[in-house]
Amino acid sequence: MSTTGTSGDQVGDGQVTARDIVAEAPQVTADVGRPLGTRKKTKPARYALHAFLIALGALWLVPLVVSLYASFRPFSETQADGFLSLPSSVSLDNYEAALDQGDFLDKYWNTALILVPSLILTLLLASMVAFVASRYSWRFNIFFLVLFTAGNLLPPQIMVAPLFQAFRRIPLPEFMSNSGNLNGSNWAIILLHVGFQMGFCTFVLSNYMKLLPKELNEAAMVDGASLWTIYSKVVMPLTRPALAALATLEFAWIYNDFFWAVIFEQRGDDRPITSALANLGGEFVTDTNVVAAASIFVIIPVMIVYFALQRHFIAGLTMGSTKG
């Protein structure tokens, strides 16, 4: 039996030494076919793509930056020198004026009374329809899925006249409406948001639920789980990334609605936050700097919700759900 004095000497016949491994290391290649330790050259097309995305992101931020910049300047200064001129004075006077004229606290409350029920009902009902259409095979599941998806192709504006006349003929108690019917109440706007937003949410959730393994349903049924238990305890927790993305989008869309609120809310005091910006306009001259300051107040809730839910967008909760 042979022995070794150093780590690089041969230990025995047919055995590989550390020196042989080191000698062969430069010939080992990576999966992509290039030697280890070398860096892949970045193609010019990738630089062009990054430059395009940076330019597009900067262009997207221009309205927000201009509004923020104008909100700290006097109206007379921007009228004389333009929005992009260098400021001679900066103050918070526009924000104080916006708070005094915009009545934001009441508008935030009016918006919450519309937004929270609309968001919860939209996601709840859309998830139920998507669950049945995507997890079970029955005669009309494709028909109903196409029906809900086709609703996205219908422009809401063409429905204003018939909906306005129909809502006038639906009575409501006095504590639910200031006009005695569905017009002039928050319930009209809630129904409109739920009806027009369910199609998109159903389409997204059904496509997401189709990616979940069918074995989850079968295992739950073997364990004696009911249909509601499978929906609420098995499928819905795994659909949280899609729900978070939809919640963010729907929050922004419903929050920014101005069209339905102006038509179906008859009193200005009951209208949501978007109408506060319209109330800041004068009869002949509009102080655009005060409107810019008010717009910063309006976008704060949307930014908070976005940053709170963005980490759920790429969460892969279904990875390995059927393994183990």
Protein backbone atom coordinates (compact mmCIF):
# COMPACT_ATOMS: atom_id res chain seq x y z
CA MET A 1 0.00 0.00 0.00
CA SER A 2 1.47 3.32 -1.06
CA THR A 3 1.38 6.45 1.05
CA THR A 4 1.58 10.13 0.25
CA GLY A 5 3.67 12.92 1.66
CA THR A 6 1.85 15.85 0.05
CA SER A 7 -1.69 16.51 -1.09
CA GLY A 8 -0.60 16.59 -4.73
CA ASP A 9 1.13 13.14 -4.81
CA GLN A 10 -0.64 10.14 -6.27
CA VAL A 11 -2.34 8.09 -3.58
CA GLY A 12 -2.63 4.82 -5.45
CA ASP A 13 -3.17 3.22 -8.83
CA GLY A 14 -6.35 4.42 -10.59
CA GLN A 15 -7.07 7.15 -8.02
CA VAL A 16 -7.46 10.81 -8.89
CA THR A 17 -5.36 13.34 -7.00
CA ALA A 18 -6.11 16.95 -6.21
CA ARG A 19 -3.45 17.98 -8.76
CA ASP A 20 -5.38 16.16 -11.52
CA ILE A 21 -8.61 17.94 -10.53
CA VAL A 22 -6.93 21.34 -10.64
CA ALA A 23 -5.43 20.53 -14.03
CA GLU A 24 -8.79 19.57 -15.46
CA ALA A 25 -10.75 22.51 -13.92
CA PRO A 26 -10.25 25.01 -16.79
CA GLN A 27 -11.85 22.53 -19.18
CA VAL A 28 -15.11 22.34 -17.20
CA THR A 29 -17.81 24.29 -18.96
CA ALA A 30 -21.04 25.79 -17.78
CA ASP A 31 -24.46 24.73 -18.95
CA VAL A 32 -24.52 27.49 -21.51
CA GLY A 33 -21.35 26.21 -23.18
CA ARG A 34 -18.80 28.78 -21.99
CA PRO A 35 -15.86 28.22 -19.57
CA LEU A 36 -16.47 28.86 -15.89
CA GLY A 37 -15.20 32.17 -14.65
CA THR A 38 -15.96 34.06 -17.86
CA ARG A 39 -18.72 36.67 -18.08
CA LYS A 40 -21.31 36.72 -20.80
CA LYS A 41 -21.05 39.81 -22.97
CA THR A 42 -24.06 42.07 -22.87
CA LYS A 43 -25.61 42.53 -26.28
CA PRO A 44 -26.31 46.04 -27.62
CA ALA A 45 -30.00 45.14 -27.91
CA ARG A 46 -30.13 44.68 -24.13
CA TYR A 47 -28.69 48.15 -23.58
CA ALA A 48 -31.26 49.54 -25.99
CA LEU A 49 -34.05 47.76 -24.12
CA HIS A 50 -32.90 49.14 -20.76
CA ALA A 51 -32.60 52.65 -22.22
CA PHE A 52 -36.12 52.38 -23.64
CA LEU A 53 -37.57 51.20 -20.31
CA ILE A 54 -35.80 53.97 -18.39
CA ALA A 55 -37.05 56.59 -20.85
CA LEU A 56 -40.59 55.19 -20.67
CA GLY A 57 -40.52 55.19 -16.86
CA ALA A 58 -39.27 58.78 -16.79
CA LEU A 59 -41.97 59.83 -19.25
CA TRP A 60 -44.59 58.11 -17.08
CA LEU A 61 -43.45 60.14 -14.05
CA VAL A 62 -43.57 63.53 -15.81
CA PRO A 63 -47.20 64.41 -14.84
CA LEU A 64 -46.60 63.48 -11.19
CA VAL A 65 -43.31 65.40 -10.98
CA VAL A 66 -44.80 68.48 -12.68
CA SER A 67 -47.83 68.44 -10.36
CA LEU A 68 -45.62 68.06 -7.30
CA TYR A 69 -43.35 70.87 -8.51
CA ALA A 70 -46.25 73.21 -9.26
CA SER A 71 -47.95 72.53 -5.93
CA PHE A 72 -45.19 74.42 -4.07
CA ARG A 73 -45.23 77.52 -6.32
CA PRO A 74 -47.59 80.53 -6.43
CA PHE A 75 -50.15 80.59 -9.20
CA SER A 76 -49.07 84.02 -10.39
CA GLU A 77 -45.50 82.83 -10.85
CA THR A 78 -46.40 79.83 -13.00
CA GLN A 79 -48.79 81.98 -15.04
CA ALA A 80 -46.04 84.43 -15.82
CA ASP A 81 -43.05 82.11 -16.23
CA GLY A 82 -44.57 78.68 -16.99
CA PHE A 83 -44.68 75.41 -15.05
CA LEU A 84 -41.11 74.42 -15.84
CA SER A 85 -39.44 77.70 -14.89
CA LEU A 86 -37.16 78.06 -11.88
CA PRO A 87 -39.07 79.06 -8.73
CA SER A 88 -38.47 82.35 -6.96
CA SER A 89 -40.41 81.24 -3.87
CA VAL A 90 -41.63 77.94 -2.45
CA SER A 91 -44.37 77.50 0.16
CA LEU A 92 -47.16 75.26 1.42
CA ASP A 93 -49.89 77.83 0.75
CA ASN A 94 -51.41 75.75 -2.06
CA TYR A 95 -51.80 72.76 0.26
CA GLU A 96 -53.50 74.90 2.88
CA ALA A 97 -55.86 76.32 0.26
CA ALA A 98 -56.61 72.84 -1.07
CA LEU A 99 -57.49 71.60 2.42
CA ASP A 100 -59.76 74.59 3.03
CA GLN A 101 -61.57 74.40 -0.30
CA GLY A 102 -61.54 70.69 -1.04
CA ASP A 103 -63.21 69.31 2.12
CA PHE A 104 -61.02 66.23 1.85
CA LEU A 105 -61.95 64.51 5.11
CA ASP A 106 -65.60 64.21 4.11
CA LYS A 107 -64.63 63.22 0.57
CA TYR A 108 -62.33 60.48 1.86
CA TRP A 109 -65.21 59.11 3.92
CA ASN A 110 -67.62 59.25 0.96
CA THR A 111 -65.05 57.41 -1.15
CA ALA A 112 -64.57 54.71 1.49
CA LEU A 113 -68.35 54.11 1.66
CA ILE A 114 -68.30 53.33 -2.05
CA LEU A 115 -64.88 51.76 -2.52
CA VAL A 116 -64.75 49.20 0.32
CA PRO A 117 -68.08 47.44 -0.45
CA SER A 118 -67.41 47.59 -4.20
CA LEU A 119 -63.95 46.06 -3.83
CA ILE A 120 -65.02 43.30 -1.44
CA LEU A 121 -68.10 42.31 -3.45
CA THR A 122 -66.24 42.37 -6.77
CA LEU A 123 -63.43 40.12 -5.62
CA LEU A 124 -65.75 37.80 -3.66
CA LEU A 125 -68.26 37.25 -6.46
CA ALA A 126 -65.60 37.07 -9.18
CA SER A 127 -63.62 34.48 -7.22
CA MET A 128 -66.74 32.33 -6.80
CA VAL A 129 -67.52 32.40 -10.51
CA ALA A 130 -63.88 31.73 -11.41
CA PHE A 131 -63.72 28.84 -8.94
CA VAL A 132 -66.70 27.06 -10.46
CA ALA A 133 -65.71 27.80 -14.07
CA SER A 134 -62.08 26.74 -13.71
CA ARG A 135 -62.08 23.89 -11.16
CA TYR A 136 -65.15 21.92 -12.32
CA SER A 137 -66.32 20.66 -15.70
CA TRP A 138 -70.02 21.12 -16.31
CA ARG A 139 -72.17 21.98 -19.28
CA PHE A 140 -72.32 25.76 -19.00
CA ASN A 141 -69.01 26.67 -17.37
CA ILE A 142 -67.38 27.83 -20.63
CA PHE A 143 -70.53 29.76 -21.57
CA PHE A 144 -70.62 31.67 -18.29
CA LEU A 145 -66.88 32.34 -18.43
CA VAL A 146 -67.21 33.76 -21.95
CA LEU A 147 -70.26 35.74 -20.85
CA PHE A 148 -68.40 37.40 -17.99
CA THR A 149 -65.36 38.03 -20.15
CA ALA A 150 -67.44 39.53 -22.98
CA GLY A 151 -68.84 42.06 -20.54
CA ASN A 152 -65.48 43.83 -20.61
CA LEU A 153 -66.07 44.72 -24.26
CA LEU A 154 -69.20 46.75 -23.49
CA PRO A 155 -68.46 50.48 -23.07
CA PRO A 156 -70.06 51.70 -19.83
CA GLN A 157 -71.00 55.07 -21.33
CA ILE A 158 -73.61 53.58 -23.65
CA MET A 159 -75.46 52.21 -20.60
CA VAL A 160 -75.90 55.54 -18.86
CA ALA A 161 -79.34 56.46 -20.18
CA PRO A 162 -81.11 53.11 -19.57
CA LEU A 163 -79.44 52.65 -16.19
CA PHE A 164 -80.41 56.17 -15.09
CA GLN A 165 -84.05 55.56 -16.03
CA ALA A 166 -84.07 52.11 -14.42
CA PHE A 167 -82.55 53.32 -11.16
CA ARG A 168 -85.16 56.09 -10.92
CA ARG A 169 -87.86 53.42 -10.76
CA ILE A 170 -86.25 51.39 -7.97
CA PRO A 171 -87.41 52.74 -4.57
CA LEU A 172 -85.19 52.75 -1.50
CA PRO A 173 -85.84 53.71 2.11
CA GLU A 174 -84.96 57.26 3.10
CA PHE A 175 -81.98 56.23 5.23
CA MET A 176 -80.44 54.52 2.18
CA SER A 177 -81.02 57.26 -0.37
CA ASN A 178 -81.46 61.01 -0.31
CA SER A 179 -83.83 60.87 -3.29
CA GLY A 180 -86.08 57.95 -2.33
CA ASN A 181 -84.82 55.76 -5.17
CA LEU A 182 -81.63 54.09 -6.30
CA ASN A 183 -80.49 57.29 -7.99
CA GLY A 184 -78.75 59.58 -5.56
CA SER A 185 -77.42 56.73 -3.40
CA ASN A 186 -74.09 55.03 -2.95
CA TRP A 187 -75.74 51.69 -3.71
CA ALA A 188 -76.20 52.66 -7.36
CA ILE A 189 -72.48 53.33 -7.78
CA ILE A 190 -71.56 50.17 -5.86
CA LEU A 191 -73.76 48.04 -8.13
CA LEU A 192 -72.25 49.65 -11.22
CA HIS A 193 -68.69 49.05 -10.09
CA VAL A 194 -69.39 45.44 -9.16
CA GLY A 195 -71.19 44.77 -12.43
CA PHE A 196 -68.58 46.31 -14.70
CA GLN A 197 -65.49 45.08 -12.85
CA MET A 198 -66.52 41.48 -12.25
CA GLY A 199 -65.81 40.44 -15.84
CA PHE A 200 -62.15 41.39 -15.76
CA CYS A 201 -61.60 39.91 -12.29
CA THR A 202 -63.32 36.66 -13.26
CA PHE A 203 -61.14 36.35 -16.36
CA VAL A 204 -57.90 36.87 -14.40
CA LEU A 205 -58.83 34.63 -11.47
CA SER A 206 -60.10 31.79 -13.64
CA ASN A 207 -56.85 31.72 -15.62
CA TYR A 208 -54.87 31.70 -12.38
CA MET A 209 -56.98 28.96 -10.78
CA LYS A 210 -56.54 26.74 -13.83
CA LEU A 211 -52.84 26.55 -13.00
CA LEU A 212 -53.56 24.99 -9.61
CA PRO A 213 -53.29 21.17 -9.62
CA LYS A 214 -56.62 19.37 -9.70
CA GLU A 215 -55.20 16.92 -7.16
CA LEU A 216 -55.81 19.57 -4.49
CA ASN A 217 -59.57 19.28 -5.01
CA GLU A 218 -59.44 15.48 -5.10
CA ALA A 219 -57.37 15.28 -1.90
CA ALA A 220 -59.73 17.67 -0.10
CA MET A 221 -62.79 15.69 -1.23
CA VAL A 222 -61.21 12.44 0.00
CA ASP A 223 -60.71 14.10 3.38
CA GLY A 224 -64.41 14.95 3.45
CA ALA A 225 -64.14 18.68 2.71
CA SER A 226 -67.25 20.43 1.47
CA LEU A 227 -67.39 22.63 -1.63
CA TRP A 228 -67.21 25.77 0.48
CA THR A 229 -64.23 24.39 2.42
CA ILE A 230 -62.35 23.62 -0.81
CA TYR A 231 -63.07 27.14 -2.06
CA SER A 232 -62.26 29.04 1.13
CA LYS A 233 -59.55 26.87 2.72
CA VAL A 234 -57.72 25.33 -0.24
CA VAL A 235 -58.08 27.40 -3.42
CA MET A 236 -58.43 30.95 -2.12
CA PRO A 237 -55.23 30.95 0.00
CA LEU A 238 -53.28 29.82 -3.07
CA THR A 239 -54.90 32.57 -5.14
CA ARG A 240 -53.62 35.33 -2.86
CA PRO A 241 -51.05 36.74 -5.35
CA ALA A 242 -53.71 37.21 -8.02
CA LEU A 243 -56.14 38.65 -5.47
CA ALA A 244 -53.51 41.11 -4.26
CA ALA A 245 -52.78 42.28 -7.80
CA LEU A 246 -56.48 42.63 -8.59
CA ALA A 247 -57.14 44.41 -5.30
CA THR A 248 -54.52 47.00 -6.18
CA LEU A 249 -55.85 47.52 -9.70
CA GLU A 250 -59.49 47.62 -8.63
CA PHE A 251 -58.71 49.98 -5.78
CA ALA A 252 -57.12 52.42 -8.22
CA TRP A 253 -59.91 52.10 -10.80
CA ILE A 254 -62.80 52.47 -8.36
CA TYR A 255 -61.02 55.17 -6.35
CA ASN A 256 -60.37 57.25 -9.47
CA ASP A 257 -63.92 56.98 -10.79
CA PHE A 258 -65.50 60.31 -11.62
CA PHE A 259 -68.00 59.40 -14.33
CA TRP A 260 -70.49 57.33 -12.34
CA ALA A 261 -70.26 59.52 -9.23
CA VAL A 262 -71.18 62.70 -11.09
CA ILE A 263 -74.14 61.08 -12.85
CA PHE A 264 -75.71 59.05 -10.05
CA GLU A 265 -74.85 61.16 -6.98
CA GLN A 266 -77.22 64.11 -7.07
CA ARG A 267 -75.73 66.06 -4.16
CA GLY A 268 -72.18 67.34 -4.27
CA ASP A 269 -71.67 66.63 -0.56
CA ASP A 270 -72.15 62.89 -1.17
CA ARG A 271 -69.70 62.57 -4.04
CA PRO A 272 -66.28 60.85 -3.67
CA ILE A 273 -62.79 62.31 -3.60
CA THR A 274 -62.43 62.78 -7.36
CA SER A 275 -65.19 65.37 -7.35
CA ALA A 276 -63.18 67.47 -4.90
CA LEU A 277 -60.79 68.37 -7.71
CA ALA A 278 -63.69 69.55 -9.87
CA ASN A 279 -64.97 71.73 -7.03
CA LEU A 280 -61.67 73.63 -6.95
CA GLY A 281 -62.26 75.10 -10.40
CA GLY A 282 -63.42 78.70 -10.57
CA GLU A 283 -66.07 80.16 -12.82
CA PHE A 284 -63.60 82.03 -15.02
CA VAL A 285 -60.10 81.21 -13.72
CA THR A 286 -58.84 77.99 -12.10
CA ASP A 287 -55.87 78.05 -9.76
CA THR A 288 -53.99 75.11 -11.29
CA ASN A 289 -51.39 75.15 -8.52
CA VAL A 290 -54.05 74.54 -5.88
CA VAL A 291 -55.49 71.77 -8.05
CA ALA A 292 -51.98 70.27 -8.29
CA ALA A 293 -51.68 70.31 -4.50
CA ALA A 294 -55.12 68.73 -4.17
CA SER A 295 -54.15 66.00 -6.64
CA ILE A 296 -51.24 65.06 -4.37
CA PHE A 297 -53.74 64.55 -1.54
CA VAL A 298 -55.89 62.42 -3.83
CA ILE A 299 -53.13 60.01 -4.90
CA ILE A 300 -51.78 59.33 -1.40
CA PRO A 301 -54.19 56.42 -0.61
CA VAL A 302 -53.47 54.77 -3.96
CA MET A 303 -49.72 54.95 -3.36
CA ILE A 304 -50.11 53.51 0.14
CA VAL A 305 -52.14 50.54 -1.13
CA TYR A 306 -49.72 49.92 -3.98
CA PHE A 307 -46.61 49.83 -1.78
CA ALA A 308 -48.44 47.69 0.79
CA LEU A 309 -49.46 45.01 -1.72
CA GLN A 310 -46.67 45.03 -4.28
CA ARG A 311 -44.67 42.28 -2.54
CA HIS A 312 -47.54 39.83 -3.19
CA PHE A 313 -47.42 40.28 -6.95
CA ILE A 314 -44.67 37.73 -7.54
CA ALA A 315 -45.33 35.40 -4.65
CA GLY A 316 -45.35 31.81 -5.89
CA LEU A 317 -47.61 30.14 -3.35
CA THR A 318 -48.41 27.19 -5.62
CA MET A 319 -44.81 26.04 -6.04
CA GLY A 320 -44.53 22.54 -4.64
CA SER A 321 -48.09 22.49 -3.33
CA THR A 322 -48.59 18.87 -4.42
CA LYS A 323 -45.16 17.62 -3.41
CA GLY A 324 -44.12 16.04 -0.17
